[in-house]
């Protein structure tokens, strides 16, 4: 290649780079002007990346945060770490909660993993112990155990670096996803009301105006659920939970601990949960026979935090909630 040809190719590549930058900037400006913003997007790869940390030896003490959205959008791993450090405990909080899915499959995974010797914090209510909810996270657990590879981890690490800064790095904003949305629904991607972070925690800012809509949706949802759900009798529910007790014992035998946490709820959810699965006959009865620590938000004023949509605390209250929970763990002898 001659010197002149080489210079020509350099100009071509430089022009292509400039065009890419201009197009990306225009894309970002367009969607941000319509109320969208960059955020980390959750995935099985990101969960698996965090799950692998739970199997690492101490120190620090590995603290697996299991649950559904009330844990994922209610705890800050960084605040948890800092509060534990204040009481002289070096911990590594690992967010393994999954939005909309009860966590017992993840607890079973930790119980069957001889390398896990830490603390499992399990956000759960009485319904979550029902056998019908036991395998809700099994698909993600199976992905970690059979499909998560170093190549997938590298790809996920790159995405995690880009997504907090670029809407274009979100999978729901690929050209094909946008086109499908307009073709199928005549609408752009749905707006997220949760900001998601690289540590897999999230935060809901209800000041953005969705609180009343979300509250009514939650209340209608819980009414529909209990209209179609017949809870198992307490005796059968308790007998089924003995399998979970075996998992707790397996973790205890390795020097670990398990904490079952009934997270803050309010309004209709609190009322319906107590009406259909009363605490005294379900969770409290299990607490009497299970070798685990049970923490119920109703017993600790510092944990009884307002939930604007009846089910999740506001982003501004996450640090306060996390710090209060760490203090309860210290009080209960877990930390």
Protein backbone atom coordinates (compact mmCIF):
# COMPACT_ATOMS: atom_id res chain seq x y z
CA UNK A 1 0.00 0.00 0.00
CA UNK A 2 1.37 3.39 -1.00
CA UNK A 3 1.70 6.31 1.42
CA UNK A 4 -1.14 8.06 -0.35
CA UNK A 5 -3.43 5.01 -0.06
CA UNK A 6 -2.54 4.65 3.60
CA UNK A 7 -3.48 8.26 4.28
CA UNK A 8 -6.77 7.71 2.42
CA UNK A 9 -7.71 4.77 4.67
CA UNK A 10 -6.85 6.71 7.79
CA UNK A 11 -9.20 9.50 6.68
CA UNK A 12 -11.94 6.94 5.95
CA UNK A 13 -11.65 5.40 9.42
CA UNK A 14 -11.54 8.84 11.04
CA UNK A 15 -14.71 9.88 9.18
CA UNK A 16 -16.45 6.64 10.20
CA UNK A 17 -15.52 7.24 13.83
CA UNK A 18 -16.82 10.80 13.72
CA UNK A 19 -20.09 9.61 12.15
CA UNK A 20 -20.50 6.97 14.87
CA UNK A 21 -19.95 9.55 17.59
CA UNK A 22 -22.37 12.02 16.01
CA UNK A 23 -25.07 9.37 15.50
CA UNK A 24 -24.69 8.07 19.05
CA UNK A 25 -24.86 11.59 20.48
CA UNK A 26 -28.00 12.32 18.44
CA UNK A 27 -29.57 9.01 19.54
CA UNK A 28 -28.81 9.78 23.21
CA UNK A 29 -30.11 13.35 22.98
CA UNK A 30 -33.32 12.25 21.28
CA UNK A 31 -34.30 9.64 23.89
CA UNK A 32 -33.12 11.64 26.91
CA UNK A 33 -35.27 14.57 25.78
CA UNK A 34 -38.23 12.18 26.03
CA UNK A 35 -37.59 11.23 29.63
CA UNK A 36 -35.42 8.13 29.29
CA UNK A 37 -32.07 7.72 31.01
CA UNK A 38 -29.17 5.26 31.07
CA UNK A 39 -29.27 2.49 33.65
CA UNK A 40 -27.69 -0.89 34.21
CA UNK A 41 -29.99 -3.63 32.96
CA UNK A 42 -30.27 -6.85 34.94
CA UNK A 43 -29.60 -10.22 33.32
CA UNK A 44 -28.84 -13.84 34.16
CA UNK A 45 -25.19 -13.12 33.39
CA UNK A 46 -25.08 -10.30 35.93
CA UNK A 47 -26.79 -12.48 38.57
CA UNK A 48 -24.34 -15.31 37.86
CA UNK A 49 -21.40 -12.95 38.19
CA UNK A 50 -22.61 -11.98 41.65
CA UNK A 51 -23.48 -15.57 42.59
CA UNK A 52 -19.90 -16.67 41.92
CA UNK A 53 -18.70 -14.24 44.60
CA UNK A 54 -20.81 -15.98 47.22
CA UNK A 55 -18.67 -19.09 46.84
CA UNK A 56 -15.40 -17.32 47.55
CA UNK A 57 -13.77 -17.96 50.93
CA UNK A 58 -13.70 -15.44 53.75
CA UNK A 59 -12.48 -12.90 54.60
CA UNK A 60 -14.49 -10.88 54.05
CA UNK A 61 -17.66 -12.56 55.34
CA UNK A 62 -19.89 -13.25 52.33
CA UNK A 63 -23.45 -12.00 52.89
CA UNK A 64 -25.88 -13.23 50.23
CA UNK A 65 -28.94 -10.99 49.91
CA UNK A 66 -31.74 -13.24 48.62
CA UNK A 67 -35.30 -12.28 47.89
CA UNK A 68 -37.46 -10.56 45.31
CA UNK A 69 -37.95 -6.86 44.56
CA UNK A 70 -38.42 -5.82 48.20
CA UNK A 71 -34.81 -6.80 48.89
CA UNK A 72 -33.45 -5.76 45.51
CA UNK A 73 -35.05 -2.30 45.74
CA UNK A 74 -34.75 -2.02 49.51
CA UNK A 75 -31.11 -2.72 50.40
CA UNK A 76 -27.91 -0.97 49.37
CA UNK A 77 -24.91 -3.35 49.43
CA UNK A 78 -22.51 -0.43 49.79
CA UNK A 79 -24.40 0.98 52.79
CA UNK A 80 -24.58 -2.53 54.26
CA UNK A 81 -20.80 -2.86 53.94
CA UNK A 82 -20.14 0.55 55.48
CA UNK A 83 -22.50 0.02 58.42
CA UNK A 84 -20.98 -3.38 59.17
CA UNK A 85 -17.51 -1.82 59.11
CA UNK A 86 -18.66 0.64 61.79
CA UNK A 87 -19.26 -2.27 64.16
CA UNK A 88 -15.97 -3.89 63.25
CA UNK A 89 -17.21 -6.54 60.80
CA UNK A 90 -15.70 -6.92 57.32
CA UNK A 91 -18.46 -8.14 54.99
CA UNK A 92 -19.06 -8.55 51.27
CA UNK A 93 -22.81 -8.03 50.62
CA UNK A 94 -23.87 -9.78 47.40
CA UNK A 95 -27.21 -8.89 45.81
CA UNK A 96 -28.87 -12.10 44.57
CA UNK A 97 -32.51 -11.01 44.77
CA UNK A 98 -34.62 -11.31 41.63
CA UNK A 99 -37.55 -9.03 40.87
CA UNK A 100 -40.88 -10.84 41.05
CA UNK A 101 -39.48 -14.21 42.12
CA UNK A 102 -39.40 -15.84 45.54
CA UNK A 103 -35.87 -16.90 46.55
CA UNK A 104 -35.90 -20.44 47.94
CA UNK A 105 -34.28 -21.96 44.83
CA UNK A 106 -31.31 -19.64 45.41
CA UNK A 107 -31.17 -20.65 49.08
CA UNK A 108 -31.16 -24.31 48.02
CA UNK A 109 -28.26 -23.56 45.68
CA UNK A 110 -26.24 -22.04 48.52
CA UNK A 111 -27.09 -24.95 50.81
CA UNK A 112 -25.82 -27.43 48.21
CA UNK A 113 -22.62 -25.44 47.64
CA UNK A 114 -20.00 -26.56 50.17
CA UNK A 115 -17.98 -23.42 49.42
CA UNK A 116 -20.65 -21.10 50.81
CA UNK A 117 -19.95 -20.48 54.50
CA UNK A 118 -21.38 -17.00 54.90
CA UNK A 119 -24.69 -15.43 55.92
CA UNK A 120 -27.80 -15.78 53.78
CA UNK A 121 -30.34 -12.98 54.26
CA UNK A 122 -33.62 -14.25 52.79
CA UNK A 123 -36.38 -11.70 52.17
CA UNK A 124 -39.58 -13.73 52.25
CA UNK A 125 -43.15 -13.87 53.52
CA UNK A 126 -45.39 -16.84 54.31
CA UNK A 127 -46.49 -17.20 50.70
CA UNK A 128 -42.85 -17.51 49.63
CA UNK A 129 -42.48 -20.73 51.62
CA UNK A 130 -45.38 -22.38 49.77
CA UNK A 131 -44.18 -25.23 47.55
CA UNK A 132 -45.76 -23.61 44.50
CA UNK A 133 -43.29 -20.70 44.84
CA UNK A 134 -40.21 -22.76 45.64
CA UNK A 135 -38.67 -22.99 42.16
CA UNK A 136 -39.35 -19.48 40.91
CA UNK A 137 -35.62 -18.67 40.69
CA UNK A 138 -34.57 -22.14 39.53
CA UNK A 139 -34.13 -21.10 35.90
CA UNK A 140 -31.57 -18.43 36.82
CA UNK A 141 -29.80 -20.78 39.23
CA UNK A 142 -29.59 -23.45 36.51
CA UNK A 143 -28.17 -20.88 34.09
CA UNK A 144 -25.39 -20.07 36.54
CA UNK A 145 -24.60 -23.73 37.11
CA UNK A 146 -24.65 -24.87 33.48
CA UNK A 147 -24.31 -21.94 31.03
CA UNK A 148 -22.32 -19.15 32.65
CA UNK A 149 -18.86 -19.07 31.06
CA UNK A 150 -15.80 -16.79 31.26
CA UNK A 151 -16.71 -15.38 27.84
CA UNK A 152 -20.19 -14.45 29.07
CA UNK A 153 -18.70 -12.90 32.18
CA UNK A 154 -16.35 -10.73 30.11
CA UNK A 155 -19.22 -9.59 27.88
CA UNK A 156 -21.30 -8.74 30.95
CA UNK A 157 -18.45 -6.76 32.51
CA UNK A 158 -18.20 -4.63 29.36
CA UNK A 159 -21.96 -4.01 29.31
CA UNK A 160 -21.94 -3.05 32.99
CA UNK A 161 -19.32 -0.41 32.21
CA UNK A 162 -21.30 1.06 29.31
CA UNK A 163 -24.93 0.91 30.43
CA UNK A 164 -24.74 3.57 33.19
CA UNK A 165 -23.62 6.08 30.55
CA UNK A 166 -25.37 5.11 27.31
CA UNK A 167 -29.03 4.45 26.58
CA UNK A 168 -27.80 2.79 23.38
CA UNK A 169 -26.21 0.01 25.49
CA UNK A 170 -29.60 -1.06 26.84
CA UNK A 171 -31.01 -4.14 25.06
CA UNK A 172 -34.48 -2.59 24.91
CA UNK A 173 -33.02 0.27 22.85
CA UNK A 174 -31.44 -1.80 20.12
CA UNK A 175 -32.74 -0.89 16.68
CA UNK A 176 -34.55 -4.23 16.38
CA UNK A 177 -36.20 -3.88 19.81
CA UNK A 178 -37.39 -0.34 19.04
CA UNK A 179 -38.73 -1.44 15.64
CA UNK A 180 -40.60 -4.39 17.19
CA UNK A 181 -42.13 -2.07 19.79
CA UNK A 182 -43.52 0.28 17.18
CA UNK A 183 -44.70 -2.54 14.91
CA UNK A 184 -46.37 -4.58 17.67
CA UNK A 185 -47.62 -1.83 19.98
CA UNK A 186 -47.14 1.44 18.15
CA UNK A 187 -45.12 2.72 21.09
CA UNK A 188 -41.50 3.30 22.18
CA UNK A 189 -39.88 1.22 24.95
CA UNK A 190 -41.57 1.37 28.33
CA UNK A 191 -40.17 3.92 30.74
CA UNK A 192 -38.38 2.46 33.73
CA UNK A 193 -39.29 3.83 37.13
CA UNK A 194 -36.42 1.92 38.78
CA UNK A 195 -32.78 2.93 38.56
CA UNK A 196 -30.55 -0.13 38.54
CA UNK A 197 -26.91 -0.34 39.59
CA UNK A 198 -23.91 -2.50 38.79
CA UNK A 199 -24.17 -4.30 42.15
CA UNK A 200 -27.70 -5.43 41.10
CA UNK A 201 -29.46 -3.23 43.62
CA UNK A 202 -32.18 -0.90 42.44
CA UNK A 203 -34.01 2.19 43.66
CA UNK A 204 -37.50 3.52 42.99
CA UNK A 205 -37.93 7.28 43.11
CA UNK A 206 -41.65 7.76 43.72
CA UNK A 207 -41.32 11.52 43.47
CA UNK A 208 -41.43 11.07 39.70
CA UNK A 209 -45.19 10.80 39.96
CA UNK A 210 -45.98 7.08 39.56
CA UNK A 211 -46.69 6.40 43.24
CA UNK A 212 -50.50 6.55 43.18
CA UNK A 213 -50.79 4.56 39.96
CA UNK A 214 -48.40 1.90 41.27
CA UNK A 215 -50.18 1.81 44.62
CA UNK A 216 -53.55 1.14 43.04
CA UNK A 217 -52.03 -1.47 40.74
CA UNK A 218 -50.44 -3.28 43.70
CA UNK A 219 -53.68 -3.27 45.67
CA UNK A 220 -55.68 -4.63 42.76
CA UNK A 221 -53.00 -7.23 42.16
CA UNK A 222 -53.02 -8.53 45.72
CA UNK A 223 -56.82 -8.69 45.70
CA UNK A 224 -56.80 -10.72 42.48
CA UNK A 225 -54.10 -13.00 43.85
CA UNK A 226 -55.93 -13.92 47.03
CA UNK A 227 -59.20 -14.28 45.13
CA UNK A 228 -57.59 -17.11 43.15
CA UNK A 229 -55.19 -18.55 45.73
CA UNK A 230 -56.08 -20.97 48.50
CA UNK A 231 -53.27 -21.03 51.09
CA UNK A 232 -52.28 -24.48 52.34
CA UNK A 233 -53.43 -25.27 55.89
CA UNK A 234 -50.80 -24.24 58.46
CA UNK A 235 -49.99 -27.88 59.31
CA UNK A 236 -49.28 -28.82 55.71
CA UNK A 237 -47.40 -25.58 55.05
CA UNK A 238 -45.20 -26.24 58.07
CA UNK A 239 -44.57 -29.86 57.03
CA UNK A 240 -43.55 -28.73 53.54
CA UNK A 241 -41.17 -26.17 55.05
CA UNK A 242 -39.12 -28.92 56.73
CA UNK A 243 -37.22 -29.34 53.48
CA UNK A 244 -36.14 -25.70 53.78
CA UNK A 245 -35.08 -26.39 57.37
CA UNK A 246 -32.73 -29.07 56.02
CA UNK A 247 -31.11 -26.46 53.77
CA UNK A 248 -30.67 -24.16 56.75
CA UNK A 249 -29.01 -26.94 58.72
CA UNK A 250 -26.61 -27.64 55.86
CA UNK A 251 -25.46 -24.01 55.86
CA UNK A 252 -25.25 -23.95 59.67
CA UNK A 253 -23.07 -27.07 59.74
CA UNK A 254 -20.45 -25.25 57.62
CA UNK A 255 -20.40 -22.31 60.01
CA UNK A 256 -22.84 -20.14 58.06
CA UNK A 257 -26.09 -18.49 59.17
CA UNK A 258 -29.52 -18.00 57.65
CA UNK A 259 -31.80 -15.03 58.39
CA UNK A 260 -35.41 -14.96 57.15
CA UNK A 261 -36.62 -11.38 56.84
CA UNK A 262 -40.21 -10.26 56.47
CA UNK A 263 -39.71 -6.92 54.73
CA UNK A 264 -41.80 -3.76 55.19
CA UNK A 265 -45.22 -3.65 53.52
CA UNK A 266 -48.31 -1.58 54.21
CA UNK A 267 -51.95 -1.02 53.39
CA UNK A 268 -53.76 -3.83 51.58
CA UNK A 269 -50.77 -6.16 51.36
CA UNK A 270 -50.27 -6.13 55.13
CA UNK A 271 -54.00 -6.62 55.69
CA UNK A 272 -54.48 -9.44 53.17
CA UNK A 273 -51.33 -11.31 54.20
CA UNK A 274 -52.50 -11.39 57.80
CA UNK A 275 -56.05 -12.33 56.86
CA UNK A 276 -55.12 -15.30 54.67
CA UNK A 277 -51.83 -16.45 56.21
CA UNK A 278 -51.77 -15.08 59.78
CA UNK A 279 -48.34 -14.60 61.22
CA UNK A 280 -48.98 -16.63 64.39
CA UNK A 281 -49.98 -19.75 62.43
CA UNK A 282 -47.35 -19.52 59.69
CA UNK A 283 -44.12 -17.53 60.07
CA UNK A 284 -44.07 -17.52 63.87
CA UNK A 285 -44.79 -21.24 63.97
CA UNK A 286 -41.88 -21.89 61.59
CA UNK A 287 -39.59 -19.67 63.65
CA UNK A 288 -40.14 -21.97 66.65
CA UNK A 289 -38.69 -25.01 64.89
CA UNK A 290 -36.24 -23.66 62.28
CA UNK A 291 -32.55 -23.18 63.25
CA UNK A 292 -32.54 -19.74 61.64
CA UNK A 293 -32.94 -16.14 62.75
CA UNK A 294 -36.35 -14.64 61.94
CA UNK A 295 -36.70 -10.88 61.63
CA UNK A 296 -40.14 -9.35 61.10
CA UNK A 297 -40.34 -5.65 60.31
CA UNK A 298 -43.39 -5.38 62.60
CA UNK A 299 -41.19 -6.05 65.62
CA UNK A 300 -38.71 -3.23 64.94
CA UNK A 301 -39.92 0.38 64.59
CA UNK A 302 -36.73 1.25 62.65
CA UNK A 303 -37.67 -1.31 59.99
CA UNK A 304 -41.35 -0.35 59.74
CA UNK A 305 -40.75 2.09 56.91
CA UNK A 306 -43.40 3.63 54.66
CA UNK A 307 -43.96 1.88 51.32
CA UNK A 308 -45.51 4.35 48.84
CA UNK A 309 -46.81 1.62 46.54
CA UNK A 310 -47.71 -0.60 49.58
CA UNK A 311 -44.85 -3.03 48.76
CA UNK A 312 -41.55 -1.14 48.23
CA UNK A 313 -39.74 1.62 50.08
CA UNK A 314 -38.70 4.84 48.36
CA UNK A 315 -35.15 5.37 47.13
CA UNK A 316 -34.51 8.03 49.76
CA UNK A 317 -35.21 5.50 52.55
CA UNK A 318 -32.90 2.72 51.31
CA UNK A 319 -29.81 3.86 53.30
CA UNK A 320 -31.91 4.21 56.47
CA UNK A 321 -33.50 0.80 55.96
CA UNK A 322 -30.17 -0.90 55.28
CA UNK A 323 -28.43 0.68 58.26
CA UNK A 324 -31.30 -0.23 60.59
CA UNK A 325 -31.23 -3.83 59.40
CA UNK A 326 -27.49 -4.13 60.04
CA UNK A 327 -28.09 -2.90 63.60
CA UNK A 328 -30.80 -5.55 64.04
CA UNK A 329 -28.40 -8.24 62.82
CA UNK A 330 -25.88 -7.11 65.40
CA UNK A 331 -28.56 -7.13 68.10
CA UNK A 332 -29.59 -10.66 67.11
CA UNK A 333 -26.01 -11.92 67.18
CA UNK A 334 -25.69 -12.53 63.44
CA UNK A 335 -22.90 -9.97 62.96
